[in-house]
Protein backbone atom coordinates (compact mmCIF):
# COMPACT_ATOMS: atom_id res chain seq x y z
CA MET A 1 -160.66 -193.13 -76.62
CA LYS A 2 -162.11 -196.61 -76.08
CA ASP A 3 -165.78 -196.88 -75.00
CA LEU A 4 -166.31 -193.12 -75.30
CA VAL A 5 -169.79 -191.81 -76.13
CA LEU A 6 -170.50 -188.21 -77.15
CA LEU A 7 -174.07 -187.09 -76.52
CA LYS A 8 -175.26 -183.69 -77.76
CA ILE A 9 -178.62 -182.38 -76.50
CA GLY A 10 -179.94 -179.57 -78.68
CA GLY A 11 -180.93 -176.27 -77.11
CA SER A 12 -184.29 -176.55 -78.86
CA VAL A 13 -185.11 -179.57 -76.66
CA ILE A 14 -184.19 -178.15 -73.26
CA THR A 15 -185.27 -174.52 -73.77
CA ASP A 16 -188.08 -172.67 -75.51
CA LYS A 17 -186.04 -171.05 -78.29
CA LYS A 18 -188.89 -168.66 -79.10
CA LYS A 19 -188.75 -167.09 -75.61
CA ALA A 20 -185.54 -165.59 -74.26
CA PHE A 21 -184.07 -167.17 -71.10
CA THR A 22 -186.74 -169.87 -70.85
CA GLU A 23 -185.63 -173.34 -69.82
CA ASN A 24 -187.72 -176.46 -70.36
CA ARG A 25 -187.31 -177.85 -66.86
CA LYS A 26 -189.55 -180.83 -67.53
CA ALA A 27 -187.45 -181.93 -70.52
CA ILE A 28 -184.17 -181.35 -68.65
CA ASN A 29 -185.26 -183.55 -65.75
CA ARG A 30 -186.69 -186.24 -68.02
CA LEU A 31 -183.49 -186.42 -70.03
CA SER A 32 -181.39 -186.58 -66.87
CA LYS A 33 -183.36 -189.66 -65.85
CA GLU A 34 -182.94 -191.19 -69.32
CA ILE A 35 -179.20 -190.56 -69.25
CA ARG A 36 -178.96 -192.19 -65.81
CA LYS A 37 -180.74 -195.29 -67.15
CA GLY A 38 -178.70 -195.42 -70.36
CA TYR A 39 -175.28 -194.56 -68.96
CA ASN A 40 -173.28 -197.53 -67.68
CA PRO A 41 -170.06 -196.24 -66.05
CA ARG A 42 -168.57 -199.74 -66.05
CA ARG A 43 -168.88 -200.01 -69.82
CA MET A 44 -168.62 -196.48 -71.14
CA LYS A 45 -167.15 -193.02 -70.74
CA LEU A 46 -169.58 -190.21 -71.44
CA ILE A 47 -169.21 -186.59 -72.57
CA LEU A 48 -172.35 -184.48 -72.69
CA ILE A 49 -172.64 -181.33 -74.81
CA HIS A 50 -175.71 -179.13 -74.81
CA GLY A 51 -176.88 -176.15 -76.79
CA ALA A 52 -177.62 -172.72 -75.31
CA GLY A 53 -181.05 -172.39 -76.87
CA SER A 54 -182.92 -169.32 -75.66
CA PHE A 55 -180.12 -168.55 -73.18
CA GLY A 56 -177.76 -167.61 -75.99
CA HIS A 57 -179.29 -167.08 -79.39
CA HIS A 58 -181.61 -164.19 -78.46
CA MET A 59 -178.85 -162.23 -76.68
CA VAL A 60 -176.36 -162.74 -79.49
CA HIS A 61 -178.92 -161.93 -82.17
CA LYS A 62 -179.43 -158.60 -80.39
CA ASN A 63 -175.87 -157.66 -79.44
CA LYS A 64 -174.28 -159.00 -82.68
CA ILE A 65 -171.12 -160.28 -80.98
CA HIS A 66 -171.12 -163.27 -83.34
CA LYS A 67 -170.09 -160.82 -86.07
CA GLY A 68 -167.16 -159.55 -84.03
CA ILE A 69 -166.37 -156.91 -81.42
CA ARG A 70 -166.53 -153.35 -82.75
CA ASN A 71 -166.94 -151.25 -79.59
CA SER A 72 -166.37 -151.35 -75.84
CA LYS A 73 -170.06 -152.03 -75.10
CA GLN A 74 -169.78 -155.35 -76.95
CA LEU A 75 -166.97 -156.41 -74.64
CA VAL A 76 -169.48 -156.28 -71.79
CA ASP A 77 -172.06 -158.03 -74.00
CA PHE A 78 -169.48 -160.80 -74.60
CA ALA A 79 -168.98 -161.24 -70.84
CA GLU A 80 -172.69 -161.08 -70.00
CA THR A 81 -173.62 -163.62 -72.66
CA GLN A 82 -171.04 -166.02 -71.25
CA THR A 83 -172.40 -165.54 -67.72
CA VAL A 84 -176.01 -166.21 -68.72
CA GLN A 85 -174.99 -169.42 -70.50
CA ASN A 86 -172.98 -170.48 -67.44
CA ARG A 87 -176.15 -170.17 -65.36
CA PHE A 88 -178.08 -172.33 -67.79
CA ASN A 89 -175.33 -174.94 -67.76
CA ALA A 90 -175.62 -175.00 -63.96
CA MET A 91 -179.32 -175.92 -64.30
CA VAL A 92 -178.44 -178.83 -66.60
CA THR A 93 -175.57 -180.16 -64.49
CA GLU A 94 -177.55 -179.85 -61.24
CA SER A 95 -180.36 -181.90 -62.78
CA LEU A 96 -177.87 -184.60 -63.83
CA GLN A 97 -176.27 -184.56 -60.39
CA SER A 98 -179.70 -185.08 -58.80
CA GLN A 99 -179.71 -188.43 -60.63
CA ARG A 100 -176.31 -189.27 -59.07
CA ILE A 101 -174.46 -188.70 -62.35
CA PRO A 102 -171.00 -187.16 -61.70
CA ALA A 103 -171.64 -184.36 -64.21
CA ILE A 104 -169.07 -181.58 -64.08
CA PRO A 105 -169.36 -178.28 -66.00
CA ILE A 106 -166.57 -177.51 -68.46
CA LEU A 107 -166.21 -174.01 -69.92
CA ALA A 108 -164.92 -174.73 -73.43
CA SER A 109 -164.09 -171.10 -74.19
CA SER A 110 -161.52 -170.98 -71.38
CA THR A 111 -159.05 -172.87 -73.62
CA ALA A 112 -160.58 -172.35 -77.08
CA VAL A 113 -159.15 -170.05 -79.74
CA MET A 114 -161.23 -169.21 -82.79
CA HIS A 115 -160.08 -167.64 -86.06
CA ASN A 116 -162.56 -166.20 -88.53
CA ILE A 117 -165.48 -168.07 -86.84
CA ARG A 118 -163.74 -171.46 -86.95
CA LEU A 119 -162.32 -173.33 -83.97
CA LYS A 120 -158.54 -173.53 -84.27
CA HIS A 121 -157.53 -174.89 -80.88
CA MET A 122 -159.11 -176.23 -77.69
CA CYS A 123 -157.23 -178.10 -74.95
CA LEU A 124 -158.83 -181.39 -73.87
CA ASP A 125 -156.20 -182.54 -71.36
CA GLY A 126 -158.46 -181.85 -68.39
CA VAL A 127 -161.45 -183.53 -70.06
CA LYS A 128 -159.41 -186.68 -70.72
CA GLU A 129 -158.23 -186.88 -67.11
CA LEU A 130 -161.77 -186.36 -65.81
CA LEU A 131 -162.99 -189.22 -68.01
CA LYS A 132 -160.28 -191.50 -66.61
CA ILE A 133 -161.55 -191.07 -63.05
CA GLY A 134 -165.19 -191.60 -64.02
CA MET A 135 -166.52 -188.04 -64.31
CA VAL A 136 -169.01 -186.92 -66.97
CA PRO A 137 -167.78 -183.61 -68.50
CA VAL A 138 -170.60 -181.31 -69.59
CA LEU A 139 -169.65 -178.75 -72.24
CA TYR A 140 -171.85 -176.18 -73.94
CA GLY A 141 -171.86 -173.63 -76.74
CA VAL A 142 -170.52 -170.18 -75.79
CA PRO A 143 -168.95 -167.06 -77.31
CA ALA A 144 -165.17 -167.38 -77.52
CA VAL A 145 -162.16 -165.25 -78.39
CA ASP A 146 -161.50 -164.94 -82.12
CA THR A 147 -158.05 -163.84 -83.34
CA LYS A 148 -159.54 -162.11 -86.39
CA GLN A 149 -162.77 -160.51 -85.15
CA LYS A 150 -162.17 -160.67 -81.36
CA CYS A 151 -165.28 -162.78 -80.69
CA SER A 152 -167.31 -165.46 -82.47
CA ILE A 153 -169.61 -168.27 -81.39
CA LEU A 154 -168.11 -171.59 -80.37
CA SER A 155 -171.20 -173.73 -80.95
CA GLY A 156 -171.89 -177.07 -79.34
CA ASP A 157 -171.65 -178.61 -82.81
CA MET A 158 -168.11 -177.27 -83.26
CA ILE A 159 -167.19 -178.62 -79.83
CA MET A 160 -168.68 -181.98 -80.80
CA SER A 161 -166.64 -182.10 -83.99
CA TRP A 162 -163.40 -181.07 -82.24
CA ILE A 163 -163.77 -183.71 -79.53
CA GLY A 164 -164.65 -186.28 -82.18
CA LYS A 165 -161.46 -185.57 -84.12
CA GLU A 166 -159.26 -185.50 -81.02
CA LEU A 167 -160.66 -188.41 -79.00
CA LYS A 168 -162.16 -190.71 -81.69
CA PRO A 169 -165.30 -191.81 -79.77
CA ASP A 170 -167.04 -195.14 -80.32
CA LYS A 171 -170.46 -193.52 -80.57
CA ILE A 172 -171.84 -190.05 -81.35
CA ILE A 173 -175.49 -189.21 -80.66
CA HIS A 174 -177.04 -185.94 -81.82
CA ALA A 175 -180.34 -185.48 -79.96
CA THR A 176 -182.49 -182.72 -81.50
CA ASP A 177 -186.22 -181.89 -81.54
CA VAL A 178 -186.99 -183.73 -84.81
CA ASP A 179 -186.70 -187.39 -85.84
CA GLY A 180 -183.49 -186.91 -87.83
CA ILE A 181 -182.33 -185.26 -91.04
CA TYR A 182 -185.03 -184.44 -93.60
CA THR A 183 -185.08 -183.44 -97.24
CA ALA A 184 -186.57 -180.10 -96.07
CA ASP A 185 -187.52 -178.49 -92.77
CA PRO A 186 -190.23 -180.81 -91.36
CA LYS A 187 -191.63 -177.93 -89.29
CA ARG A 188 -192.32 -175.93 -92.44
CA SER A 189 -192.97 -178.45 -95.18
CA ARG A 190 -195.35 -181.41 -95.23
CA LYS A 191 -193.34 -182.79 -98.14
CA ALA A 192 -190.22 -183.19 -96.00
CA LYS A 193 -189.07 -186.82 -95.88
CA LEU A 194 -186.82 -188.43 -93.28
CA ILE A 195 -183.42 -189.52 -94.61
CA LYS A 196 -182.52 -192.72 -92.76
CA GLU A 197 -178.89 -192.82 -93.87
CA ILE A 198 -176.41 -190.33 -95.29
CA THR A 199 -173.12 -191.36 -96.88
CA LEU A 200 -170.36 -189.08 -98.07
CA GLU A 201 -171.62 -189.58 -101.63
CA ASP A 202 -175.18 -188.58 -100.62
CA TRP A 203 -174.06 -185.39 -98.93
CA ARG A 204 -173.44 -183.46 -102.12
CA LYS A 205 -176.97 -184.19 -103.29
CA ILE A 206 -178.92 -183.34 -100.13
CA LYS A 207 -177.02 -180.47 -98.49
CA ASN A 208 -178.90 -177.79 -100.43
CA GLY A 209 -182.15 -178.97 -98.83
CA LEU A 210 -180.91 -178.37 -95.29
CA THR A 211 -181.80 -175.07 -93.68
CA GLY A 212 -181.15 -173.17 -90.51
CA SER A 213 -183.34 -173.27 -87.43
CA SER A 214 -187.03 -172.32 -87.48
CA SER A 215 -186.31 -170.23 -84.34
CA VAL A 216 -183.66 -167.60 -83.61
CA ASP A 217 -180.32 -169.32 -84.23
CA VAL A 218 -176.92 -167.71 -84.75
CA THR A 219 -174.92 -170.93 -85.14
CA GLY A 220 -175.99 -172.26 -88.53
CA GLY A 221 -178.90 -174.55 -87.65
CA MET A 222 -179.18 -178.06 -89.04
CA PHE A 223 -176.80 -177.43 -91.93
CA LEU A 224 -173.88 -176.80 -89.59
CA LYS A 225 -174.76 -179.80 -87.41
CA VAL A 226 -174.66 -182.18 -90.36
CA SER A 227 -171.60 -180.50 -91.91
CA GLU A 228 -169.60 -181.05 -88.72
CA MET A 229 -170.63 -184.72 -88.62
CA ILE A 230 -169.72 -185.15 -92.30
CA THR A 231 -166.22 -183.96 -91.34
CA LEU A 232 -166.05 -186.78 -88.80
CA ALA A 233 -167.46 -189.30 -91.30
CA LYS A 234 -164.48 -188.52 -93.55
CA LEU A 235 -162.27 -189.59 -90.64
CA GLY A 236 -164.14 -192.88 -90.25
CA ILE A 237 -166.47 -191.85 -87.40
CA SER A 238 -170.21 -192.42 -87.78
CA SER A 239 -172.94 -190.51 -85.93
CA GLN A 240 -176.70 -190.69 -85.47
CA PHE A 241 -179.41 -188.04 -85.21
CA ILE A 242 -182.43 -188.83 -83.04
CA ASN A 243 -185.38 -187.01 -81.50
CA ALA A 244 -184.80 -186.24 -77.81
CA SER A 245 -188.31 -184.82 -77.51
CA ARG A 246 -189.62 -188.38 -77.75
CA ALA A 247 -189.44 -190.00 -74.32
CA GLY A 248 -187.07 -192.96 -74.12
CA ASN A 249 -185.07 -192.26 -77.28
CA VAL A 250 -181.91 -191.04 -75.52
CA GLU A 251 -181.91 -193.97 -73.11
CA LYS A 252 -182.30 -196.43 -76.00
CA ALA A 253 -179.57 -194.79 -78.06
CA LEU A 254 -177.13 -194.90 -75.15
CA LYS A 255 -177.89 -198.59 -74.69
CA GLY A 256 -177.30 -199.25 -78.38
CA LYS A 257 -180.92 -200.07 -79.13
CA LYS A 258 -182.56 -199.18 -82.43
CA VAL A 259 -184.02 -195.67 -82.55
CA LYS A 260 -185.79 -193.90 -85.39
CA GLY A 261 -183.45 -191.33 -86.88
CA THR A 262 -180.64 -190.69 -89.36
CA LEU A 263 -177.29 -192.44 -89.50
CA ILE A 264 -174.39 -190.47 -90.98
CA LYS A 265 -172.24 -193.31 -92.17
CA ALA A 266 -168.47 -193.16 -92.21
């Protein structure tokens, strides 16, 4: 889709992932202002995807629904987890709307079908029509039905990859809480070095250095994020990883200005 930008805001930026059900209201509002300044509806179409952060990972880590449904109690856990994440999405979309951005919540799991923890189908017809009239769809990671284990986690990164393959965006921005992709976890190792560019040839060499999240995370952490973008790189779609915790970075990236980070090159 021409002039389409996919922007993913990590749950680690807009929540405190170490504390269950704790939003970072200051970061949410700041990023809404940055998106308003960077988003030009006359020149681009925008899809926003955000992580669940502490509104999802802690619940799922406890109720184990990401490993499948094994009893009737977990059916209720499945429903409750979805509801909590819907409430968090409402906080994000309301903040965007306060900046006069026509952000509209989209529940990805209402049309998604997983199989053995992989996304097999998700209908984007409604999303495409919303983009045509100038809306900004806001999707988010949620538990979804799985034809093998009844339930698994449809992460924001999987959603990002699916939309990328289906709609072929002009630009993909992954906004996390670190400056990009490192040789090791920069929160744990002082020896970690920023990788400014990753090609398909580089991927085989560096993937063993990528780890999960330093907080509770049931969706695969940084390894999954990069793996999904490598899939898109094989299809000719590049993406960039930047630090959304640094004020101004998201606005600059949306405007096409240079931002410190990592480019995954198609």
